[in-house]
Amino acid sequence: MTRLSVNINKIATLRNARGGNIPDVLKAAVECQRFGAQGITVHPRPDERHIRFQDTRDLRSVVTTEFNIEGNPTDQLIKLVLEVMPEQVTLVPDSPDQLTSNAGWDMRKHVAFLREINALFKSKGIRTSIFVDTQLENIRGAVETGCDRIELYTEPYAADFNTNKEMAVAPFKAAAEEAVRLGLGVNAGHDLSLENLSYFAQNVPGLLEVSIGHALISDALYYGLENTIQLYLRQLR
């Protein structure tokens, strides 16, 4: 079964809006795992507007499933990853002022840089994943970086799902098939939801893991965190 990693950034956003430690990010991570999540994802940004760098350090002691740190591999993030030693790092090309991730890596420009970063993390035993779109040239370029997996950027799928779900999923199916052919693991994330997740998982081959934050935490406001995680896991079954 495809694994569910819960991105807890939005829980930190809610905490930061008021100050203090409510809701407690560490407790949320523990509960997500207790309720069935098979991983915890964080995406610390330089302005610390949601997950803080110290949160990431503190979470290492409570994440007992799989810890996935996402982000742009700046010197600051690289230092943090090597200190925390997560099971997986996902390299995302977002700028410091970006509201959310909105594109994958352009491999024509960044292969050499990503190869160096991947080599560093892999030498420490950290699995590496690269955030990419569905262009096959970028999938093939990912192989050249030496990464273990790709993470497919799924916002275009989510945007087109209600218009034509077959057309929406087709490029992701093709990209995953190419990745599997080349020996890469396949992850996915961004705007996956209770509405569109099951169809995606059924039609994208080799899907190992999805990372879901905004939709899942929003659904938890209505359904409760435990029930929501179980609902997402059912979509993956």
Protein backbone atom coordinates (compact mmCIF):
# COMPACT_ATOMS: atom_id res chain seq x y z
CA MET A 1 0.00 0.00 0.00
CA THR A 2 1.10 3.56 -0.70
CA ARG A 3 2.34 5.17 2.50
CA LEU A 4 0.79 8.33 3.93
CA SER A 5 3.14 11.01 5.26
CA VAL A 6 1.30 13.85 7.02
CA ASN A 7 2.73 17.32 6.50
CA ILE A 8 2.22 19.17 9.80
CA ASN A 9 3.21 22.65 8.61
CA LYS A 10 -0.35 23.97 8.94
CA ILE A 11 -0.48 22.94 12.59
CA ALA A 12 2.59 25.11 13.17
CA THR A 13 0.94 27.94 11.21
CA LEU A 14 -2.02 27.88 13.60
CA ARG A 15 0.30 27.87 16.62
CA ASN A 16 2.35 30.76 15.27
CA ALA A 17 -0.75 32.89 14.69
CA ARG A 18 -1.24 33.23 18.44
CA GLY A 19 2.17 32.52 19.93
CA GLY A 20 2.78 30.03 22.69
CA ASN A 21 2.60 26.31 22.06
CA ILE A 22 -1.05 25.64 21.21
CA PRO A 23 -1.51 23.52 19.21
CA ASP A 24 1.56 21.51 20.17
CA VAL A 25 3.40 20.46 17.01
CA LEU A 26 5.21 17.59 18.69
CA LYS A 27 2.01 16.21 20.20
CA ALA A 28 0.33 16.49 16.80
CA ALA A 29 3.12 14.44 15.20
CA VAL A 30 2.84 11.77 17.88
CA GLU A 31 -0.93 11.58 17.45
CA CYS A 32 -0.75 11.46 13.64
CA GLN A 33 1.47 8.41 13.93
CA ARG A 34 -0.74 6.83 16.59
CA PHE A 35 -3.73 7.31 14.30
CA GLY A 36 -2.01 5.46 11.45
CA ALA A 37 0.17 7.92 9.53
CA GLN A 38 3.29 6.18 8.23
CA GLY A 39 5.40 9.30 8.11
CA ILE A 40 5.70 12.94 9.19
CA THR A 41 6.71 15.66 6.74
CA VAL A 42 7.89 19.19 7.50
CA HIS A 43 8.92 21.97 5.15
CA PRO A 44 10.88 24.60 7.09
CA ARG A 45 11.32 27.91 5.29
CA PRO A 46 13.87 30.62 6.09
CA ASP A 47 11.27 32.97 7.62
CA GLU A 48 9.97 30.16 9.87
CA ARG A 49 6.38 31.21 9.15
CA HIS A 50 5.15 27.74 10.03
CA ILE A 51 7.56 24.94 11.01
CA ARG A 52 10.56 26.40 12.79
CA PHE A 53 14.06 25.01 12.56
CA GLN A 54 13.94 24.17 16.27
CA ASP A 55 10.65 22.30 15.70
CA THR A 56 12.46 20.13 13.19
CA ARG A 57 15.19 19.34 15.68
CA ASP A 58 12.67 18.58 18.43
CA LEU A 59 10.54 16.38 16.18
CA ARG A 60 13.43 13.99 15.58
CA SER A 61 12.94 12.48 19.04
CA VAL A 62 9.20 11.79 18.56
CA VAL A 63 8.96 10.70 14.92
CA THR A 64 9.15 6.92 15.05
CA THR A 65 7.85 6.20 11.55
CA GLU A 66 9.57 8.09 8.73
CA PHE A 67 10.75 11.69 9.01
CA ASN A 68 10.75 13.61 5.73
CA ILE A 69 12.25 17.10 5.55
CA GLU A 70 11.33 19.10 2.44
CA GLY A 71 12.90 22.30 1.23
CA ASN A 72 15.26 24.22 -0.97
CA PRO A 73 18.77 22.94 -0.22
CA THR A 74 20.25 26.21 0.99
CA ASP A 75 23.25 26.10 3.30
CA GLN A 76 20.87 26.58 6.24
CA LEU A 77 18.66 23.64 5.27
CA ILE A 78 21.59 21.37 4.46
CA LYS A 79 23.05 22.03 7.90
CA LEU A 80 19.69 21.28 9.51
CA VAL A 81 19.22 18.01 7.61
CA LEU A 82 22.69 16.79 8.53
CA GLU A 83 22.01 17.64 12.17
CA VAL A 84 18.56 16.00 12.34
CA MET A 85 19.29 13.02 10.08
CA PRO A 86 15.78 12.30 8.77
CA GLU A 87 14.98 9.12 6.87
CA GLN A 88 14.24 11.16 3.74
CA VAL A 89 14.96 14.62 2.38
CA THR A 90 12.90 16.03 -0.49
CA LEU A 91 14.60 18.77 -2.49
CA VAL A 92 12.16 21.50 -3.58
CA PRO A 93 13.09 24.57 -5.67
CA ASP A 94 11.06 27.19 -3.79
CA SER A 95 12.27 30.73 -3.19
CA PRO A 96 12.24 32.26 0.32
CA ASP A 97 9.20 34.48 -0.40
CA GLN A 98 7.09 31.78 -2.06
CA LEU A 99 3.69 31.14 -0.48
CA THR A 100 3.85 27.45 -1.40
CA SER A 101 5.78 25.20 -3.76
CA ASN A 102 4.54 25.67 -7.32
CA ALA A 103 7.04 23.99 -9.66
CA GLY A 104 9.50 21.14 -9.94
CA TRP A 105 13.21 21.36 -10.72
CA ASP A 106 14.40 22.25 -14.21
CA MET A 107 16.98 19.53 -14.69
CA ARG A 108 18.66 21.26 -17.60
CA LYS A 109 19.84 23.93 -15.20
CA HIS A 110 20.34 22.10 -11.93
CA VAL A 111 21.62 18.57 -12.54
CA ALA A 112 25.17 19.27 -11.36
CA PHE A 113 24.01 21.11 -8.23
CA LEU A 114 21.50 18.41 -7.30
CA ARG A 115 24.03 15.65 -7.93
CA GLU A 116 26.37 17.23 -5.38
CA ILE A 117 23.64 17.66 -2.77
CA ASN A 118 22.30 14.14 -3.26
CA ALA A 119 25.76 12.67 -2.91
CA LEU A 120 26.24 14.49 0.40
CA PHE A 121 22.95 13.30 1.90
CA LYS A 122 23.27 9.75 0.59
CA SER A 123 26.75 9.46 2.08
CA LYS A 124 25.05 9.95 5.45
CA GLY A 125 22.44 7.29 4.75
CA ILE A 126 19.58 9.70 4.02
CA ARG A 127 17.19 8.77 1.20
CA THR A 128 16.88 11.56 -1.35
CA SER A 129 13.86 12.63 -3.38
CA ILE A 130 13.57 15.39 -5.98
CA PHE A 131 10.40 17.43 -6.60
CA VAL A 132 9.60 17.29 -10.33
CA ASP A 133 6.83 17.86 -12.84
CA THR A 134 5.73 15.24 -15.35
CA GLN A 135 8.01 16.23 -18.23
CA LEU A 136 9.85 13.06 -19.12
CA GLU A 137 13.10 14.93 -19.71
CA ASN A 138 13.01 16.02 -16.07
CA ILE A 139 12.33 12.46 -14.93
CA ARG A 140 15.35 11.27 -16.93
CA GLY A 141 17.40 14.15 -15.60
CA ALA A 142 16.56 13.11 -12.06
CA VAL A 143 18.40 9.84 -12.63
CA GLU A 144 21.54 11.82 -13.43
CA THR A 145 21.40 13.48 -10.02
CA GLY A 146 21.73 10.15 -8.23
CA CYS A 147 18.49 10.57 -6.26
CA ASP A 148 16.58 7.58 -4.90
CA ARG A 149 13.11 8.88 -5.67
CA ILE A 150 11.15 11.62 -7.35
CA GLU A 151 8.16 13.42 -5.86
CA LEU A 152 5.61 14.28 -8.53
CA TYR A 153 4.17 17.81 -8.19
CA THR A 154 0.45 17.08 -8.32
CA GLU A 155 -1.23 20.50 -8.32
CA PRO A 156 -1.99 20.27 -12.10
CA TYR A 157 -3.70 16.92 -11.50
CA ALA A 158 -5.82 18.35 -8.69
CA ALA A 159 -6.74 21.42 -10.73
CA ASP A 160 -7.98 19.36 -13.69
CA PHE A 161 -9.48 16.43 -11.78
CA ASN A 162 -13.09 17.61 -11.82
CA THR A 163 -12.94 18.59 -15.48
CA ASN A 164 -11.48 15.37 -16.90
CA LYS A 165 -9.86 13.00 -14.43
CA GLU A 166 -8.59 10.61 -17.11
CA MET A 167 -6.80 13.43 -18.90
CA ALA A 168 -5.59 14.87 -15.59
CA VAL A 169 -3.90 11.66 -14.44
CA ALA A 170 -2.46 10.60 -17.81
CA PRO A 171 0.83 12.57 -17.63
CA PHE A 172 1.41 11.39 -14.06
CA LYS A 173 0.90 7.80 -15.08
CA ALA A 174 3.40 8.22 -17.93
CA ALA A 175 5.91 9.98 -15.67
CA ALA A 176 5.66 7.26 -13.01
CA GLU A 177 6.06 4.52 -15.60
CA GLU A 178 9.22 6.20 -16.86
CA ALA A 179 10.55 6.65 -13.33
CA VAL A 180 9.96 3.00 -12.48
CA ARG A 181 11.61 1.96 -15.74
CA LEU A 182 14.66 3.99 -14.78
CA GLY A 183 14.81 2.52 -11.28
CA LEU A 184 13.46 5.50 -9.35
CA GLY A 185 10.95 5.33 -6.53
CA VAL A 186 7.83 7.47 -6.92
CA ASN A 187 6.36 9.82 -4.31
CA ALA A 188 3.71 12.48 -4.91
CA GLY A 189 2.32 15.56 -3.24
CA HIS A 190 0.56 18.92 -3.48
CA ASP A 191 -3.21 19.45 -3.38
CA LEU A 192 -4.00 15.75 -3.08
CA SER A 193 -7.26 15.37 -1.15
CA LEU A 194 -10.04 12.98 -0.15
CA GLU A 195 -11.72 13.85 -3.42
CA ASN A 196 -8.88 13.00 -5.81
CA LEU A 197 -6.45 10.75 -3.93
CA SER A 198 -7.99 7.33 -4.56
CA TYR A 199 -8.15 7.77 -8.33
CA PHE A 200 -4.56 9.00 -8.41
CA ALA A 201 -3.26 6.07 -6.36
CA GLN A 202 -5.18 3.57 -8.50
CA ASN A 203 -3.78 4.92 -11.77
CA VAL A 204 -0.18 5.89 -10.98
CA PRO A 205 2.07 2.82 -10.95
CA GLY A 206 4.78 2.32 -8.36
CA LEU A 207 3.45 5.01 -6.03
CA LEU A 208 5.35 4.53 -2.77
CA GLU A 209 4.34 7.56 -0.73
CA VAL A 210 2.11 10.63 -0.73
CA SER A 211 2.79 13.69 1.40
CA ILE A 212 -0.40 15.56 2.31
CA GLY A 213 -0.77 18.58 4.56
CA HIS A 214 -3.16 21.41 3.75
CA ALA A 215 -6.18 19.32 2.71
CA LEU A 216 -5.72 16.74 5.47
CA ILE A 217 -5.34 19.26 8.28
CA SER A 218 -8.31 21.23 6.91
CA ASP A 219 -10.44 18.07 6.80
CA ALA A 220 -9.45 17.35 10.38
CA LEU A 221 -11.33 20.51 11.44
CA TYR A 222 -14.54 18.83 10.30
CA TYR A 223 -13.90 15.14 10.91
CA GLY A 224 -11.29 15.07 13.65
CA LEU A 225 -7.64 14.15 13.17
CA GLU A 226 -7.92 10.42 13.86
CA ASN A 227 -10.92 9.92 11.60
CA THR A 228 -9.37 12.05 8.86
CA ILE A 229 -6.14 10.06 8.78
CA GLN A 230 -8.16 6.85 8.57
CA LEU A 231 -10.21 8.32 5.71
CA TYR A 232 -7.02 9.12 3.78
CA LEU A 233 -5.57 5.70 4.44
CA ARG A 234 -8.73 4.13 3.03
CA GLN A 235 -8.27 6.11 -0.18
CA LEU A 236 -4.83 4.54 -0.51
CA ARG A 237 -6.14 1.01 -0.03
